[in-house]
Amino acid sequence: MAEKRLVRPRDDRVVAGVCSGIARYLDIDPVVVRLIWVILSMIGFVFTGIVVYLAAWLIIPEEEEDIIDAEYTVSEEAKV
């Protein structure tokens, strides 16, 4: 089995793909991660949530163009 990597996907983004990448890594719906991020940002300071998001944007690598996440692709196509 291939090693899981935390990357920002190119095909499922709202802003930079941070939440989508985290969701793929954890095998959950990206909407759940986005909602948790917003709720945690509102509980703390909104500015902190934005800074953490920007840091994650810089730290988490972008998905490489030639590499396809076969497991994710197959599971997504099975839903259609």
PDB file of N, CA and C in Angstrom:
ATOM      1  N   MET A   1       0.844  -1.182   0.000  1.00  0.00           N
ATOM      2  CA  MET A   1       0.000   0.000   0.000  1.00  0.00           C
ATOM      3  C   MET A   1       0.889   1.246   0.000  1.00  0.00           C
ATOM      4  N   ALA A   2       0.486   2.228  -0.741  1.00  0.00           N
ATOM      5  CA  ALA A   2       1.269   3.450  -0.863  1.00  0.00           C
ATOM      6  C   ALA A   2       1.233   4.252   0.433  1.00  0.00           C
ATOM      7  N   GLU A   3       2.320   4.948   0.660  1.00  0.00           N
ATOM      8  CA  GLU A   3       2.419   5.790   1.845  1.00  0.00           C
ATOM      9  C   GLU A   3       1.529   7.016   1.685  1.00  0.00           C
ATOM     10  N   LYS A   4       0.779   7.345   2.725  1.00  0.00           N
ATOM     11  CA  LYS A   4      -0.070   8.538   2.698  1.00  0.00           C
ATOM     12  C   LYS A   4       0.792   9.771   2.842  1.00  0.00           C
ATOM     13  N   ARG A   5       0.474  10.793   2.052  1.00  0.00           N
ATOM     14  CA  ARG A   5       1.191  12.060   2.148  1.00  0.00           C
ATOM     15  C   ARG A   5       0.184  13.180   2.292  1.00  0.00           C
ATOM     16  N   LEU A   6       0.532  14.147   3.106  1.00  0.00           N
ATOM     17  CA  LEU A   6      -0.305  15.331   3.263  1.00  0.00           C
ATOM     18  C   LEU A   6       0.122  16.333   2.198  1.00  0.00           C
ATOM     19  N   VAL A   7      -0.745  16.539   1.216  1.00  0.00           N
ATOM     20  CA  VAL A   7      -0.484  17.491   0.134  1.00  0.00           C
ATOM     21  C   VAL A   7      -1.731  18.315  -0.122  1.00  0.00           C
ATOM     22  N   ARG A   8      -1.538  19.461  -0.749  1.00  0.00           N
ATOM     23  CA  ARG A   8      -2.672  20.290  -1.152  1.00  0.00           C
ATOM     24  C   ARG A   8      -3.074  19.886  -2.567  1.00  0.00           C
ATOM     25  N   PRO A   9      -4.270  19.308  -2.747  1.00  0.00           N
ATOM     26  CA  PRO A   9      -4.673  18.852  -4.079  1.00  0.00           C
ATOM     27  C   PRO A   9      -4.933  20.018  -5.028  1.00  0.00           C
ATOM     28  N   ARG A  10      -4.778  19.752  -6.302  1.00  0.00           N
ATOM     29  CA  ARG A  10      -5.011  20.772  -7.331  1.00  0.00           C
ATOM     30  C   ARG A  10      -6.482  20.838  -7.746  1.00  0.00           C
ATOM     31  N   ASP A  11      -7.222  19.749  -7.528  1.00  0.00           N
ATOM     32  CA  ASP A  11      -8.567  19.668  -8.095  1.00  0.00           C
ATOM     33  C   ASP A  11      -9.712  19.952  -7.124  1.00  0.00           C
ATOM     34  N   ASP A  12      -9.455  20.074  -5.846  1.00  0.00           N
ATOM     35  CA  ASP A  12     -10.538  20.255  -4.878  1.00  0.00           C
ATOM     36  C   ASP A  12     -10.175  21.377  -3.911  1.00  0.00           C
ATOM     37  N   ARG A  13     -10.194  22.605  -4.414  1.00  0.00           N
ATOM     38  CA  ARG A  13      -9.771  23.757  -3.619  1.00  0.00           C
ATOM     39  C   ARG A  13     -10.885  24.768  -3.481  1.00  0.00           C
ATOM     40  N   VAL A  14     -10.877  25.461  -2.360  1.00  0.00           N
ATOM     41  CA  VAL A  14     -11.699  26.649  -2.203  1.00  0.00           C
ATOM     42  C   VAL A  14     -10.771  27.856  -2.205  1.00  0.00           C
ATOM     43  N   VAL A  15      -9.724  27.814  -1.393  1.00  0.00           N
ATOM     44  CA  VAL A  15      -8.723  28.884  -1.389  1.00  0.00           C
ATOM     45  C   VAL A  15      -7.389  28.306  -1.842  1.00  0.00           C
ATOM     46  N   ALA A  16      -6.734  27.532  -0.974  1.00  0.00           N
ATOM     47  CA  ALA A  16      -5.408  27.005  -1.309  1.00  0.00           C
ATOM     48  C   ALA A  16      -5.344  25.485  -1.244  1.00  0.00           C
ATOM     49  N   GLY A  17      -6.414  24.835  -0.830  1.00  0.00           N
ATOM     50  CA  GLY A  17      -6.430  23.379  -0.764  1.00  0.00           C
ATOM     51  C   GLY A  17      -5.953  22.807   0.553  1.00  0.00           C
ATOM     52  N   VAL A  18      -5.748  23.649   1.563  1.00  0.00           N
ATOM     53  CA  VAL A  18      -5.255  23.174   2.860  1.00  0.00           C
ATOM     54  C   VAL A  18      -6.275  22.237   3.512  1.00  0.00           C
ATOM     55  N   CYS A  19      -7.499  22.688   3.645  1.00  0.00           N
ATOM     56  CA  CYS A  19      -8.536  21.866   4.297  1.00  0.00           C
ATOM     57  C   CYS A  19      -8.825  20.605   3.489  1.00  0.00           C
ATOM     58  N   SER A  20      -8.825  20.725   2.181  1.00  0.00           N
ATOM     59  CA  SER A  20      -9.064  19.567   1.325  1.00  0.00           C
ATOM     60  C   SER A  20      -7.946  18.543   1.466  1.00  0.00           C
ATOM     61  N   GLY A  21      -6.711  19.015   1.560  1.00  0.00           N
ATOM     62  CA  GLY A  21      -5.579  18.111   1.743  1.00  0.00           C
ATOM     63  C   GLY A  21      -5.638  17.398   3.081  1.00  0.00           C
ATOM     64  N   ILE A  22      -5.987  18.131   4.122  1.00  0.00           N
ATOM     65  CA  ILE A  22      -6.127  17.528   5.448  1.00  0.00           C
ATOM     66  C   ILE A  22      -7.259  16.497   5.439  1.00  0.00           C
ATOM     67  N   ALA A  23      -8.359  16.823   4.777  1.00  0.00           N
ATOM     68  CA  ALA A  23      -9.495  15.896   4.700  1.00  0.00           C
ATOM     69  C   ALA A  23      -9.124  14.618   3.961  1.00  0.00           C
ATOM     70  N   ARG A  24      -8.414  14.739   2.866  1.00  0.00           N
ATOM     71  CA  ARG A  24      -7.977  13.539   2.142  1.00  0.00           C
ATOM     72  C   ARG A  24      -7.049  12.696   2.992  1.00  0.00           C
ATOM     73  N   TYR A  25      -6.147  13.344   3.714  1.00  0.00           N
ATOM     74  CA  TYR A  25      -5.212  12.623   4.564  1.00  0.00           C
ATOM     75  C   TYR A  25      -5.942  11.860   5.667  1.00  0.00           C
ATOM     76  N   LEU A  26      -7.002  12.452   6.208  1.00  0.00           N
ATOM     77  CA  LEU A  26      -7.769  11.826   7.286  1.00  0.00           C
ATOM     78  C   LEU A  26      -8.949  10.995   6.784  1.00  0.00           C
ATOM     79  N   ASP A  27      -9.155  10.950   5.469  1.00  0.00           N
ATOM     80  CA  ASP A  27     -10.268  10.223   4.852  1.00  0.00           C
ATOM     81  C   ASP A  27     -11.630  10.686   5.361  1.00  0.00           C
ATOM     82  N   ILE A  28     -11.831  12.001   5.391  1.00  0.00           N
ATOM     83  CA  ILE A  28     -13.127  12.566   5.763  1.00  0.00           C
ATOM     84  C   ILE A  28     -13.523  13.614   4.726  1.00  0.00           C
ATOM     85  N   ASP A  29     -14.743  14.093   4.828  1.00  0.00           N
ATOM     86  CA  ASP A  29     -15.265  15.085   3.891  1.00  0.00           C
ATOM     87  C   ASP A  29     -14.589  16.441   4.124  1.00  0.00           C
ATOM     88  N   PRO A  30     -14.146  17.109   3.060  1.00  0.00           N
ATOM     89  CA  PRO A  30     -13.504  18.420   3.217  1.00  0.00           C
ATOM     90  C   PRO A  30     -14.392  19.460   3.889  1.00  0.00           C
ATOM     91  N   VAL A  31     -15.690  19.360   3.725  1.00  0.00           N
ATOM     92  CA  VAL A  31     -16.605  20.314   4.354  1.00  0.00           C
ATOM     93  C   VAL A  31     -16.488  20.234   5.880  1.00  0.00           C
ATOM     94  N   VAL A  32     -16.296  19.039   6.397  1.00  0.00           N
ATOM     95  CA  VAL A  32     -16.149  18.855   7.843  1.00  0.00           C
ATOM     96  C   VAL A  32     -14.907  19.589   8.332  1.00  0.00           C
ATOM     97  N   VAL A  33     -13.809  19.435   7.620  1.00  0.00           N
ATOM     98  CA  VAL A  33     -12.565  20.112   8.015  1.00  0.00           C
ATOM     99  C   VAL A  33     -12.739  21.623   7.924  1.00  0.00           C
ATOM    100  N   ARG A  34     -13.381  22.102   6.879  1.00  0.00           N
ATOM    101  CA  ARG A  34     -13.602  23.548   6.729  1.00  0.00           C
ATOM    102  C   ARG A  34     -14.468  24.094   7.861  1.00  0.00           C
ATOM    103  N   LEU A  35     -15.525  23.372   8.224  1.00  0.00           N
ATOM    104  CA  LEU A  35     -16.392  23.811   9.320  1.00  0.00           C
ATOM    105  C   LEU A  35     -15.647  23.828  10.650  1.00  0.00           C
ATOM    106  N   ILE A  36     -14.854  22.783  10.914  1.00  0.00           N
ATOM    107  CA  ILE A  36     -14.079  22.732  12.145  1.00  0.00           C
ATOM    108  C   ILE A  36     -13.100  23.905  12.183  1.00  0.00           C
ATOM    109  N   TRP A  37     -12.468  24.194  11.047  1.00  0.00           N
ATOM    110  CA  TRP A  37     -11.509  25.297  10.983  1.00  0.00           C
ATOM    111  C   TRP A  37     -12.194  26.627  11.312  1.00  0.00           C
ATOM    112  N   VAL A  38     -13.376  26.850  10.732  1.00  0.00           N
ATOM    113  CA  VAL A  38     -14.108  28.095  10.977  1.00  0.00           C
ATOM    114  C   VAL A  38     -14.535  28.182  12.440  1.00  0.00           C
ATOM    115  N   ILE A  39     -15.064  27.102  12.984  1.00  0.00           N
ATOM    116  CA  ILE A  39     -15.516  27.103  14.385  1.00  0.00           C
ATOM    117  C   ILE A  39     -14.353  27.364  15.336  1.00  0.00           C
ATOM    118  N   LEU A  40     -13.228  26.692  15.114  1.00  0.00           N
ATOM    119  CA  LEU A  40     -12.062  26.911  15.971  1.00  0.00           C
ATOM    120  C   LEU A  40     -11.520  28.327  15.820  1.00  0.00           C
ATOM    121  N   SER A  41     -11.614  28.885  14.623  1.00  0.00           N
ATOM    122  CA  SER A  41     -11.173  30.273  14.418  1.00  0.00           C
ATOM    123  C   SER A  41     -12.082  31.246  15.152  1.00  0.00           C
ATOM    124  N   MET A  42     -13.375  30.947  15.195  1.00  0.00           N
ATOM    125  CA  MET A  42     -14.318  31.824  15.877  1.00  0.00           C
ATOM    126  C   MET A  42     -14.183  31.724  17.403  1.00  0.00           C
ATOM    127  N   ILE A  43     -13.850  30.532  17.903  1.00  0.00           N
ATOM    128  CA  ILE A  43     -13.665  30.358  19.341  1.00  0.00           C
ATOM    129  C   ILE A  43     -12.435  31.136  19.798  1.00  0.00           C
ATOM    130  N   GLY A  44     -11.362  31.015  19.023  1.00  0.00           N
ATOM    131  CA  GLY A  44     -10.144  31.771  19.324  1.00  0.00           C
ATOM    132  C   GLY A  44     -10.260  33.129  18.654  1.00  0.00           C
ATOM    133  N   PHE A  45      -9.164  33.612  18.201  1.00  0.00           N
ATOM    134  CA  PHE A  45      -9.177  34.857  17.457  1.00  0.00           C
ATOM    135  C   PHE A  45      -9.152  34.533  15.976  1.00  0.00           C
ATOM    136  N   VAL A  46      -9.963  35.228  15.197  1.00  0.00           N
ATOM    137  CA  VAL A  46     -10.040  34.981  13.759  1.00  0.00           C
ATOM    138  C   VAL A  46      -8.666  35.167  13.127  1.00  0.00           C
ATOM    139  N   PHE A  47      -7.934  36.153  13.590  1.00  0.00           N
ATOM    140  CA  PHE A  47      -6.614  36.424  13.048  1.00  0.00           C
ATOM    141  C   PHE A  47      -5.691  35.213  13.196  1.00  0.00           C
ATOM    142  N   THR A  48      -5.802  34.515  14.325  1.00  0.00           N
ATOM    143  CA  THR A  48      -4.977  33.335  14.560  1.00  0.00           C
ATOM    144  C   THR A  48      -5.296  32.243  13.549  1.00  0.00           C
ATOM    145  N   GLY A  49      -6.577  32.024  13.270  1.00  0.00           N
ATOM    146  CA  GLY A  49      -6.983  31.032  12.281  1.00  0.00           C
ATOM    147  C   GLY A  49      -6.444  31.349  10.903  1.00  0.00           C
ATOM    148  N   ILE A  50      -6.436  32.631  10.555  1.00  0.00           N
ATOM    149  CA  ILE A  50      -5.920  33.051   9.255  1.00  0.00           C
ATOM    150  C   ILE A  50      -4.408  32.833   9.191  1.00  0.00           C
ATOM    151  N   VAL A  51      -3.708  33.178  10.256  1.00  0.00           N
ATOM    152  CA  VAL A  51      -2.249  32.997  10.283  1.00  0.00           C
ATOM    153  C   VAL A  51      -1.887  31.516  10.190  1.00  0.00           C
ATOM    154  N   VAL A  52      -2.609  30.664  10.915  1.00  0.00           N
ATOM    155  CA  VAL A  52      -2.346  29.227  10.880  1.00  0.00           C
ATOM    156  C   VAL A  52      -2.636  28.686   9.481  1.00  0.00           C
ATOM    157  N   TYR A  53      -3.712  29.151   8.848  1.00  0.00           N
ATOM    158  CA  TYR A  53      -4.040  28.713   7.491  1.00  0.00           C
ATOM    159  C   TYR A  53      -2.932  29.115   6.518  1.00  0.00           C
ATOM    160  N   LEU A  54      -2.467  30.349   6.614  1.00  0.00           N
ATOM    161  CA  LEU A  54      -1.397  30.815   5.735  1.00  0.00           C
ATOM    162  C   LEU A  54      -0.108  30.021   5.960  1.00  0.00           C
ATOM    163  N   ALA A  55       0.192  29.714   7.217  1.00  0.00           N
ATOM    164  CA  ALA A  55       1.374  28.904   7.514  1.00  0.00           C
ATOM    165  C   ALA A  55       1.233  27.506   6.913  1.00  0.00           C
ATOM    166  N   ALA A  56       0.044  26.914   7.045  1.00  0.00           N
ATOM    167  CA  ALA A  56      -0.193  25.586   6.471  1.00  0.00           C
ATOM    168  C   ALA A  56      -0.074  25.646   4.947  1.00  0.00           C
ATOM    169  N   TRP A  57      -0.538  26.728   4.348  1.00  0.00           N
ATOM    170  CA  TRP A  57      -0.433  26.921   2.903  1.00  0.00           C
ATOM    171  C   TRP A  57       1.037  26.889   2.469  1.00  0.00           C
ATOM    172  N   LEU A  58       1.890  27.498   3.256  1.00  0.00           N
ATOM    173  CA  LEU A  58       3.314  27.535   2.922  1.00  0.00           C
ATOM    174  C   LEU A  58       4.022  26.214   3.234  1.00  0.00           C
ATOM    175  N   ILE A  59       3.583  25.520   4.289  1.00  0.00           N
ATOM    176  CA  ILE A  59       4.275  24.314   4.745  1.00  0.00           C
ATOM    177  C   ILE A  59       3.850  23.068   3.974  1.00  0.00           C
ATOM    178  N   ILE A  60       2.553  22.909   3.741  1.00  0.00           N
ATOM    179  CA  ILE A  60       2.045  21.701   3.082  1.00  0.00           C
ATOM    180  C   ILE A  60       2.343  21.801   1.586  1.00  0.00           C
ATOM    181  N   PRO A  61       3.046  20.819   1.032  1.00  0.00           N
ATOM    182  CA  PRO A  61       3.399  20.896  -0.386  1.00  0.00           C
ATOM    183  C   PRO A  61       2.186  20.693  -1.293  1.00  0.00           C
ATOM    184  N   GLU A  62       2.274  21.276  -2.471  1.00  0.00           N
ATOM    185  CA  GLU A  62       1.209  21.113  -3.461  1.00  0.00           C
ATOM    186  C   GLU A  62       1.365  19.753  -4.133  1.00  0.00           C
ATOM    187  N   GLU A  63       0.240  19.161  -4.485  1.00  0.00           N
ATOM    188  CA  GLU A  63       0.234  17.876  -5.168  1.00  0.00           C
ATOM    189  C   GLU A  63       0.983  18.014  -6.487  1.00  0.00           C
ATOM    190  N   GLU A  64       1.828  17.044  -6.778  1.00  0.00           N
ATOM    191  CA  GLU A  64       2.580  17.086  -8.025  1.00  0.00           C
ATOM    192  C   GLU A  64       1.662  16.806  -9.199  1.00  0.00           C
ATOM    193  N   GLU A  65       1.953  17.422 -10.327  1.00  0.00           N
ATOM    194  CA  GLU A  65       1.073  17.346 -11.484  1.00  0.00           C
ATOM    195  C   GLU A  65       0.982  15.952 -12.083  1.00  0.00           C
ATOM    196  N   ASP A  66       2.109  15.231 -12.174  1.00  0.00           N
ATOM    197  CA  ASP A  66       2.092  13.930 -12.841  1.00  0.00           C
ATOM    198  C   ASP A  66       1.562  12.816 -11.962  1.00  0.00           C
ATOM    199  N   ILE A  67       1.575  13.012 -10.646  1.00  0.00           N
ATOM    200  CA  ILE A  67       1.178  11.942  -9.733  1.00  0.00           C
ATOM    201  C   ILE A  67      -0.318  12.019  -9.469  1.00  0.00           C
ATOM    202  N   ILE A  68      -0.978  10.888  -9.650  1.00  0.00           N
ATOM    203  CA  ILE A  68      -2.416  10.811  -9.404  1.00  0.00           C
ATOM    204  C   ILE A  68      -2.621   9.931  -8.182  1.00  0.00           C
ATOM    205  N   ASP A  69      -3.432  10.402  -7.260  1.00  0.00           N
ATOM    206  CA  ASP A  69      -3.763   9.612  -6.087  1.00  0.00           C
ATOM    207  C   ASP A  69      -4.786   8.564  -6.513  1.00  0.00           C
ATOM    208  N   ALA A  70      -4.299   7.386  -6.906  1.00  0.00           N
ATOM    209  CA  ALA A  70      -5.152   6.354  -7.478  1.00  0.00           C
ATOM    210  C   ALA A  70      -6.254   5.916  -6.520  1.00  0.00           C
ATOM    211  N   GLU A  71      -5.935   5.777  -5.247  1.00  0.00           N
ATOM    212  CA  GLU A  71      -6.937   5.347  -4.275  1.00  0.00           C
ATOM    213  C   GLU A  71      -8.070   6.358  -4.202  1.00  0.00           C
ATOM    214  N   TYR A  72      -7.738   7.652  -4.155  1.00  0.00           N
ATOM    215  CA  TYR A  72      -8.765   8.683  -4.086  1.00  0.00           C
ATOM    216  C   TYR A  72      -9.563   8.742  -5.388  1.00  0.00           C
ATOM    217  N   THR A  73      -8.892   8.635  -6.524  1.00  0.00           N
ATOM    218  CA  THR A  73      -9.554   8.693  -7.824  1.00  0.00           C
ATOM    219  C   THR A  73     -10.557   7.551  -7.967  1.00  0.00           C
ATOM    220  N   VAL A  74     -10.154   6.350  -7.599  1.00  0.00           N
ATOM    221  CA  VAL A  74     -11.048   5.194  -7.708  1.00  0.00           C
ATOM    222  C   VAL A  74     -12.243   5.372  -6.780  1.00  0.00           C
ATOM    223  N   SER A  75     -12.027   5.820  -5.555  1.00  0.00           N
ATOM    224  CA  SER A  75     -13.143   5.962  -4.629  1.00  0.00           C
ATOM    225  C   SER A  75     -14.088   7.062  -5.078  1.00  0.00           C
ATOM    226  N   GLU A  76     -13.561   8.137  -5.663  1.00  0.00           N
ATOM    227  CA  GLU A  76     -14.414   9.223  -6.151  1.00  0.00           C
ATOM    228  C   GLU A  76     -15.230   8.761  -7.364  1.00  0.00           C
ATOM    229  N   GLU A  77     -14.618   8.014  -8.270  1.00  0.00           N
ATOM    230  CA  GLU A  77     -15.333   7.547  -9.456  1.00  0.00           C
ATOM    231  C   GLU A  77     -16.390   6.518  -9.093  1.00  0.00           C
ATOM    232  N   ALA A  78     -16.169   5.767  -8.038  1.00  0.00           N
ATOM    233  CA  ALA A  78     -17.156   4.783  -7.593  1.00  0.00           C
ATOM    234  C   ALA A  78     -18.407   5.461  -7.071  1.00  0.00           C
ATOM    235  N   LYS A  79     -18.283   6.697  -6.556  1.00  0.00           N
ATOM    236  CA  LYS A  79     -19.440   7.425  -6.040  1.00  0.00           C
ATOM    237  C   LYS A  79     -20.323   7.953  -7.156  1.00  0.00           C
ATOM    238  N   VAL A  80     -19.754   8.186  -8.325  1.00  0.00           N
ATOM    239  CA  VAL A  80     -20.502   8.788  -9.432  1.00  0.00           C
ATOM    240  C   VAL A  80     -21.446   7.835 -10.052  1.00  0.00           C
TER     241      VAL A  80
END
